[in-house]
PDB file of all heavy atoms in Angstrom:
ATOM      1  N   GLY A   1       0.816  -1.214   0.000  1.00  0.00           N
ATOM      2  CA  GLY A   1       0.000   0.000   0.000  1.00  0.00           C
ATOM      3  C   GLY A   1       0.844   1.256   0.000  1.00  0.00           C
ATOM      4  O   GLY A   1       0.563   2.206  -0.739  1.00  0.00           O
ATOM      5  N   ALA A   2       1.886   1.286   0.821  1.00  0.00           N
ATOM      6  CA  ALA A   2       2.767   2.455   0.873  1.00  0.00           C
ATOM      7  C   ALA A   2       3.479   2.667  -0.453  1.00  0.00           C
ATOM      8  O   ALA A   2       3.650   3.805  -0.914  1.00  0.00           O
ATOM      9  CB  ALA A   2       3.773   2.281   2.004  1.00  0.00           C
ATOM     10  N   ALA A   3       3.897   1.565  -1.079  1.00  0.00           N
ATOM     11  CA  ALA A   3       4.595   1.665  -2.362  1.00  0.00           C
ATOM     12  C   ALA A   3       3.667   2.226  -3.439  1.00  0.00           C
ATOM     13  O   ALA A   3       4.062   3.079  -4.243  1.00  0.00           O
ATOM     14  CB  ALA A   3       5.121   0.291  -2.775  1.00  0.00           C
ATOM     15  N   MET A   4       2.435   1.758  -3.480  1.00  0.00           N
ATOM     16  CA  MET A   4       1.479   2.239  -4.471  1.00  0.00           C
ATOM     17  C   MET A   4       1.127   3.706  -4.229  1.00  0.00           C
ATOM     18  O   MET A   4       1.011   4.500  -5.180  1.00  0.00           O
ATOM     19  CB  MET A   4       0.225   1.360  -4.446  1.00  0.00           C
ATOM     20  CG  MET A   4       0.474  -0.082  -4.864  1.00  0.00           C
ATOM     21  SD  MET A   4      -0.940  -1.170  -4.579  1.00  0.00           S
ATOM     22  CE  MET A   4      -2.122  -0.553  -5.764  1.00  0.00           C
ATOM     23  N   CYS A   5       0.945   4.083  -2.956  1.00  0.00           N
ATOM     24  CA  CYS A   5       0.635   5.476  -2.631  1.00  0.00           C
ATOM     25  C   CYS A   5       1.770   6.407  -3.055  1.00  0.00           C
ATOM     26  O   CYS A   5       1.522   7.527  -3.531  1.00  0.00           O
ATOM     27  CB  CYS A   5       0.370   5.627  -1.138  1.00  0.00           C
ATOM     28  SG  CYS A   5      -1.240   5.002  -0.600  1.00  0.00           S
ATOM     29  N   ALA A   6       3.016   5.955  -2.890  1.00  0.00           N
ATOM     30  CA  ALA A   6       4.159   6.783  -3.269  1.00  0.00           C
ATOM     31  C   ALA A   6       4.156   7.067  -4.767  1.00  0.00           C
ATOM     32  O   ALA A   6       4.435   8.194  -5.206  1.00  0.00           O
ATOM     33  CB  ALA A   6       5.455   6.093  -2.855  1.00  0.00           C
ATOM     34  N   VAL A   7       3.819   6.047  -5.561  1.00  0.00           N
ATOM     35  CA  VAL A   7       3.774   6.228  -7.019  1.00  0.00           C
ATOM     36  C   VAL A   7       2.693   7.227  -7.412  1.00  0.00           C
ATOM     37  O   VAL A   7       2.926   8.144  -8.223  1.00  0.00           O
ATOM     38  CB  VAL A   7       3.528   4.873  -7.719  1.00  0.00           C
ATOM     39  CG1 VAL A   7       3.259   5.076  -9.211  1.00  0.00           C
ATOM     40  CG2 VAL A   7       4.715   3.946  -7.520  1.00  0.00           C
ATOM     41  N   ILE A   8       1.505   7.098  -6.844  1.00  0.00           N
ATOM     42  CA  ILE A   8       0.386   7.963  -7.214  1.00  0.00           C
ATOM     43  C   ILE A   8       0.591   9.382  -6.684  1.00  0.00           C
ATOM     44  O   ILE A   8       0.260  10.364  -7.362  1.00  0.00           O
ATOM     45  CB  ILE A   8      -0.942   7.368  -6.713  1.00  0.00           C
ATOM     46  CG1 ILE A   8      -1.213   6.039  -7.425  1.00  0.00           C
ATOM     47  CG2 ILE A   8      -2.085   8.338  -6.922  1.00  0.00           C
ATOM     48  CD1 ILE A   8      -1.226   6.124  -8.938  1.00  0.00           C
ATOM     49  N   THR A   9       1.129   9.513  -5.491  1.00  0.00           N
ATOM     50  CA  THR A   9       1.404  10.849  -4.945  1.00  0.00           C
ATOM     51  C   THR A   9       2.365  11.612  -5.850  1.00  0.00           C
ATOM     52  O   THR A   9       2.170  12.804  -6.140  1.00  0.00           O
ATOM     53  CB  THR A   9       1.983  10.742  -3.533  1.00  0.00           C
ATOM     54  OG1 THR A   9       1.030  10.099  -2.674  1.00  0.00           O
ATOM     55  CG2 THR A   9       2.307  12.118  -2.965  1.00  0.00           C
ATOM     56  N   LYS A  10       3.387  10.920  -6.313  1.00  0.00           N
ATOM     57  CA  LYS A  10       4.360  11.545  -7.216  1.00  0.00           C
ATOM     58  C   LYS A  10       3.715  11.923  -8.540  1.00  0.00           C
ATOM     59  O   LYS A  10       3.948  13.011  -9.072  1.00  0.00           O
ATOM     60  CB  LYS A  10       5.535  10.604  -7.441  1.00  0.00           C
ATOM     61  CG  LYS A  10       6.624  11.167  -8.338  1.00  0.00           C
ATOM     62  CD  LYS A  10       7.784  10.183  -8.474  1.00  0.00           C
ATOM     63  CE  LYS A  10       8.873  10.757  -9.383  1.00  0.00           C
ATOM     64  NZ  LYS A  10      10.016   9.802  -9.515  1.00  0.00           N
ATOM     65  N   ARG A  11       2.882  11.030  -9.092  1.00  0.00           N
ATOM     66  CA  ARG A  11       2.261  11.285 -10.384  1.00  0.00           C
ATOM     67  C   ARG A  11       1.221  12.411 -10.287  1.00  0.00           C
ATOM     68  O   ARG A  11       1.025  13.175 -11.246  1.00  0.00           O
ATOM     69  CB  ARG A  11       1.626  10.004 -10.919  1.00  0.00           C
ATOM     70  CG  ARG A  11       0.980  10.145 -12.301  1.00  0.00           C
ATOM     71  CD  ARG A  11       1.980  10.600 -13.363  1.00  0.00           C
ATOM     72  NE  ARG A  11       3.060   9.656 -13.524  1.00  0.00           N
ATOM     73  CZ  ARG A  11       3.053   8.650 -14.385  1.00  0.00           C
ATOM     74  NH1 ARG A  11       2.006   8.475 -15.167  1.00  0.00           N
ATOM     75  NH2 ARG A  11       4.096   7.853 -14.471  1.00  0.00           N
ATOM     76  N   ALA A  12       0.527  12.522  -9.160  1.00  0.00           N
ATOM     77  CA  ALA A  12      -0.525  13.532  -9.012  1.00  0.00           C
ATOM     78  C   ALA A  12       0.026  14.918  -8.689  1.00  0.00           C
ATOM     79  O   ALA A  12      -0.703  15.912  -8.802  1.00  0.00           O
ATOM     80  CB  ALA A  12      -1.501  13.108  -7.924  1.00  0.00           C
ATOM     81  N   ALA A  13       1.294  14.993  -8.305  1.00  0.00           N
ATOM     82  CA  ALA A  13       1.889  16.284  -7.933  1.00  0.00           C
ATOM     83  C   ALA A  13       1.759  17.283  -9.074  1.00  0.00           C
ATOM     84  O   ALA A  13       2.014  16.971 -10.230  1.00  0.00           O
ATOM     85  CB  ALA A  13       3.358  16.081  -7.574  1.00  0.00           C
ATOM     86  N   GLY A  14       1.330  18.493  -8.724  1.00  0.00           N
ATOM     87  CA  GLY A  14       1.190  19.536  -9.733  1.00  0.00           C
ATOM     88  C   GLY A  14      -0.090  19.470 -10.533  1.00  0.00           C
ATOM     89  O   GLY A  14      -0.268  20.255 -11.470  1.00  0.00           O
ATOM     90  N   THR A  15      -0.983  18.539 -10.196  1.00  0.00           N
ATOM     91  CA  THR A  15      -2.269  18.417 -10.889  1.00  0.00           C
ATOM     92  C   THR A  15      -3.394  18.798  -9.929  1.00  0.00           C
ATOM     93  O   THR A  15      -3.184  18.899  -8.712  1.00  0.00           O
ATOM     94  CB  THR A  15      -2.496  16.980 -11.385  1.00  0.00           C
ATOM     95  OG1 THR A  15      -2.848  16.145 -10.264  1.00  0.00           O
ATOM     96  CG2 THR A  15      -1.248  16.433 -12.077  1.00  0.00           C
ATOM     97  N   PRO A  16      -4.605  18.998 -10.450  1.00  0.00           N
ATOM     98  CA  PRO A  16      -5.736  19.317  -9.556  1.00  0.00           C
ATOM     99  C   PRO A  16      -6.039  18.221  -8.538  1.00  0.00           C
ATOM    100  O   PRO A  16      -6.782  18.462  -7.573  1.00  0.00           O
ATOM    101  CB  PRO A  16      -6.906  19.491 -10.548  1.00  0.00           C
ATOM    102  CG  PRO A  16      -6.267  19.897 -11.833  1.00  0.00           C
ATOM    103  CD  PRO A  16      -4.982  19.133 -11.873  1.00  0.00           C
ATOM    104  N   LEU A  17      -5.491  17.023  -8.731  1.00  0.00           N
ATOM    105  CA  LEU A  17      -5.739  15.917  -7.807  1.00  0.00           C
ATOM    106  C   LEU A  17      -4.759  15.884  -6.639  1.00  0.00           C
ATOM    107  O   LEU A  17      -4.890  15.055  -5.741  1.00  0.00           O
ATOM    108  CB  LEU A  17      -5.672  14.579  -8.560  1.00  0.00           C
ATOM    109  CG  LEU A  17      -6.644  14.400  -9.731  1.00  0.00           C
ATOM    110  CD1 LEU A  17      -6.413  13.040 -10.397  1.00  0.00           C
ATOM    111  CD2 LEU A  17      -8.091  14.519  -9.268  1.00  0.00           C
ATOM    112  N   SER A  18      -3.776  16.758  -6.655  1.00  0.00           N
ATOM    113  CA  SER A  18      -2.694  16.679  -5.660  1.00  0.00           C
ATOM    114  C   SER A  18      -3.169  16.967  -4.240  1.00  0.00           C
ATOM    115  O   SER A  18      -2.489  16.601  -3.281  1.00  0.00           O
ATOM    116  CB  SER A  18      -1.565  17.637  -6.037  1.00  0.00           C
ATOM    117  OG  SER A  18      -2.041  18.978  -6.056  1.00  0.00           O
ATOM    118  N   ASP A  19      -4.326  17.638  -4.082  1.00  0.00           N
ATOM    119  CA  ASP A  19      -4.814  17.962  -2.744  1.00  0.00           C
ATOM    120  C   ASP A  19      -5.662  16.844  -2.131  1.00  0.00           C
ATOM    121  O   ASP A  19      -6.035  16.928  -0.958  1.00  0.00           O
ATOM    122  CB  ASP A  19      -5.656  19.241  -2.788  1.00  0.00           C
ATOM    123  CG  ASP A  19      -4.825  20.476  -3.111  1.00  0.00           C
ATOM    124  OD1 ASP A  19      -3.612  20.453  -2.825  1.00  0.00           O
ATOM    125  OD2 ASP A  19      -5.395  21.441  -3.660  1.00  0.00           O
ATOM    126  N   LEU A  20      -5.962  15.813  -2.909  1.00  0.00           N
ATOM    127  CA  LEU A  20      -6.792  14.731  -2.389  1.00  0.00           C
ATOM    128  C   LEU A  20      -5.970  13.774  -1.524  1.00  0.00           C
ATOM    129  O   LEU A  20      -4.799  13.500  -1.822  1.00  0.00           O
ATOM    130  CB  LEU A  20      -7.427  13.938  -3.538  1.00  0.00           C
ATOM    131  CG  LEU A  20      -8.448  14.669  -4.408  1.00  0.00           C
ATOM    132  CD1 LEU A  20      -8.977  13.719  -5.483  1.00  0.00           C
ATOM    133  CD2 LEU A  20      -9.600  15.206  -3.571  1.00  0.00           C
ATOM    134  N   PRO A  21      -6.577  13.229  -0.448  1.00  0.00           N
ATOM    135  CA  PRO A  21      -5.886  12.189   0.329  1.00  0.00           C
ATOM    136  C   PRO A  21      -5.640  10.969  -0.547  1.00  0.00           C
ATOM    137  O   PRO A  21      -6.525  10.547  -1.300  1.00  0.00           O
ATOM    138  CB  PRO A  21      -6.873  11.861   1.452  1.00  0.00           C
ATOM    139  CG  PRO A  21      -7.838  13.000   1.489  1.00  0.00           C
ATOM    140  CD  PRO A  21      -7.907  13.550   0.103  1.00  0.00           C
ATOM    141  N   VAL A  22      -4.445  10.391  -0.458  1.00  0.00           N
ATOM    142  CA  VAL A  22      -4.098   9.206  -1.247  1.00  0.00           C
ATOM    143  C   VAL A  22      -4.147   7.981  -0.348  1.00  0.00           C
ATOM    144  O   VAL A  22      -3.470   7.923   0.683  1.00  0.00           O
ATOM    145  CB  VAL A  22      -2.705   9.340  -1.883  1.00  0.00           C
ATOM    146  CG1 VAL A  22      -2.365   8.082  -2.699  1.00  0.00           C
ATOM    147  CG2 VAL A  22      -2.640  10.579  -2.773  1.00  0.00           C
ATOM    148  N   ILE A  23      -4.962   6.999  -0.734  1.00  0.00           N
ATOM    149  CA  ILE A  23      -5.029   5.723  -0.037  1.00  0.00           C
ATOM    150  C   ILE A  23      -4.806   4.631  -1.077  1.00  0.00           C
ATOM    151  O   ILE A  23      -4.711   4.914  -2.267  1.00  0.00           O
ATOM    152  CB  ILE A  23      -6.376   5.531   0.697  1.00  0.00           C
ATOM    153  CG1 ILE A  23      -7.533   5.516  -0.314  1.00  0.00           C
ATOM    154  CG2 ILE A  23      -6.569   6.620   1.737  1.00  0.00           C
ATOM    155  CD1 ILE A  23      -8.894   5.241   0.323  1.00  0.00           C
ATOM    156  N   ALA A  24      -4.700   3.393  -0.638  1.00  0.00           N
ATOM    157  CA  ALA A  24      -4.426   2.304  -1.576  1.00  0.00           C
ATOM    158  C   ALA A  24      -5.311   1.111  -1.291  1.00  0.00           C
ATOM    159  O   ALA A  24      -5.561   0.763  -0.132  1.00  0.00           O
ATOM    160  CB  ALA A  24      -2.962   1.885  -1.517  1.00  0.00           C
ATOM    161  N   SER A  25      -5.777   0.480  -2.357  1.00  0.00           N
ATOM    162  CA  SER A  25      -6.552  -0.757  -2.266  1.00  0.00           C
ATOM    163  C   SER A  25      -5.609  -1.926  -2.521  1.00  0.00           C
ATOM    164  O   SER A  25      -5.045  -2.043  -3.604  1.00  0.00           O
ATOM    165  CB  SER A  25      -7.678  -0.742  -3.306  1.00  0.00           C
ATOM    166  OG  SER A  25      -8.436  -1.913  -3.247  1.00  0.00           O
ATOM    167  N   VAL A  26      -5.431  -2.764  -1.503  1.00  0.00           N
ATOM    168  CA  VAL A  26      -4.431  -3.838  -1.570  1.00  0.00           C
ATOM    169  C   VAL A  26      -5.079  -5.163  -1.181  1.00  0.00           C
ATOM    170  O   VAL A  26      -5.783  -5.253  -0.179  1.00  0.00           O
ATOM    171  CB  VAL A  26      -3.244  -3.563  -0.627  1.00  0.00           C
ATOM    172  CG1 VAL A  26      -2.147  -4.597  -0.840  1.00  0.00           C
ATOM    173  CG2 VAL A  26      -2.692  -2.157  -0.820  1.00  0.00           C
ATOM    174  N   SER A  27      -4.828  -6.182  -1.979  1.00  0.00           N
ATOM    175  CA  SER A  27      -5.328  -7.521  -1.645  1.00  0.00           C
ATOM    176  C   SER A  27      -4.161  -8.498  -1.569  1.00  0.00           C
ATOM    177  O   SER A  27      -3.152  -8.322  -2.257  1.00  0.00           O
ATOM    178  CB  SER A  27      -6.336  -8.003  -2.697  1.00  0.00           C
ATOM    179  OG  SER A  27      -5.734  -8.053  -3.979  1.00  0.00           O
ATOM    180  N   PRO A  28      -4.265  -9.537  -0.726  1.00  0.00           N
ATOM    181  CA  PRO A  28      -3.196 -10.536  -0.629  1.00  0.00           C
ATOM    182  C   PRO A  28      -3.224 -11.500  -1.806  1.00  0.00           C
ATOM    183  O   PRO A  28      -4.232 -12.177  -2.034  1.00  0.00           O
ATOM    184  CB  PRO A  28      -3.496 -11.252   0.695  1.00  0.00           C
ATOM    185  CG  PRO A  28      -4.978 -11.094   0.873  1.00  0.00           C
ATOM    186  CD  PRO A  28      -5.353  -9.780   0.242  1.00  0.00           C
ATOM    187  N   MET A  29      -2.142 -11.552  -2.557  1.00  0.00           N
ATOM    188  CA  MET A  29      -2.073 -12.451  -3.713  1.00  0.00           C
ATOM    189  C   MET A  29      -1.795 -13.891  -3.294  1.00  0.00           C
ATOM    190  O   MET A  29      -2.170 -14.839  -3.985  1.00  0.00           O
ATOM    191  CB  MET A  29      -0.986 -11.990  -4.681  1.00  0.00           C
ATOM    192  CG  MET A  29      -1.229 -10.630  -5.312  1.00  0.00           C
ATOM    193  SD  MET A  29      -2.658 -10.605  -6.425  1.00  0.00           S
ATOM    194  CE  MET A  29      -3.866  -9.777  -5.393  1.00  0.00           C
ATOM    195  N   ALA A  30      -1.110 -14.062  -2.169  1.00  0.00           N
ATOM    196  CA  ALA A  30      -0.762 -15.402  -1.680  1.00  0.00           C
ATOM    197  C   ALA A  30      -1.395 -15.594  -0.315  1.00  0.00           C
ATOM    198  O   ALA A  30      -0.932 -15.032   0.679  1.00  0.00           O
ATOM    199  CB  ALA A  30       0.755 -15.563  -1.600  1.00  0.00           C
ATOM    200  N   LEU A  31      -2.471 -16.358  -0.264  1.00  0.00           N
ATOM    201  CA  LEU A  31      -3.157 -16.599   1.000  1.00  0.00           C
ATOM    202  C   LEU A  31      -3.788 -17.984   0.976  1.00  0.00           C
ATOM    203  O   LEU A  31      -4.992 -18.153   1.087  1.00  0.00           O
ATOM    204  CB  LEU A  31      -4.218 -15.521   1.250  1.00  0.00           C
ATOM    205  CG  LEU A  31      -4.752 -15.418   2.685  1.00  0.00           C
ATOM    206  CD1 LEU A  31      -3.639 -15.025   3.657  1.00  0.00           C
ATOM    207  CD2 LEU A  31      -5.896 -14.417   2.772  1.00  0.00           C
ATOM    208  N   GLY A  32      -2.917 -18.997   0.798  1.00  0.00           N
ATOM    209  CA  GLY A  32      -3.390 -20.378   0.815  1.00  0.00           C
ATOM    210  C   GLY A  32      -4.248 -20.699  -0.390  1.00  0.00           C
ATOM    211  O   GLY A  32      -3.833 -20.536  -1.534  1.00  0.00           O
ATOM    212  N   GLY A  33      -5.477 -21.140  -0.137  1.00  0.00           N
ATOM    213  CA  GLY A  33      -6.405 -21.477  -1.209  1.00  0.00           C
ATOM    214  C   GLY A  33      -5.902 -22.607  -2.079  1.00  0.00           C
ATOM    215  O   GLY A  33      -5.253 -23.550  -1.605  1.00  0.00           O
ATOM    216  N   ARG A  34      -6.166 -22.489  -3.381  1.00  0.00           N
ATOM    217  CA  ARG A  34      -5.761 -23.541  -4.300  1.00  0.00           C
ATOM    218  C   ARG A  34      -4.249 -23.610  -4.462  1.00  0.00           C
ATOM    219  O   ARG A  34      -3.729 -24.594  -4.981  1.00  0.00           O
ATOM    220  CB  ARG A  34      -6.430 -23.322  -5.657  1.00  0.00           C
ATOM    221  CG  ARG A  34      -7.949 -23.478  -5.599  1.00  0.00           C
ATOM    222  CD  ARG A  34      -8.596 -23.247  -6.946  1.00  0.00           C
ATOM    223  NE  ARG A  34     -10.044 -23.419  -6.878  1.00  0.00           N
ATOM    224  CZ  ARG A  34     -10.863 -23.201  -7.885  1.00  0.00           C
ATOM    225  NH1 ARG A  34     -10.374 -22.789  -9.048  1.00  0.00           N
ATOM    226  NH2 ARG A  34     -12.168 -23.380  -7.738  1.00  0.00           N
TER     227      ARG A  34
END
């Protein structure tokens, strides 16, 4: 999540979106199952 937020924060800098709070949607790719 922190890594993804860092990428988007950098990309949004200087745009009208730069004032928005940045959060990240993260799911576990490896969690047992099949």
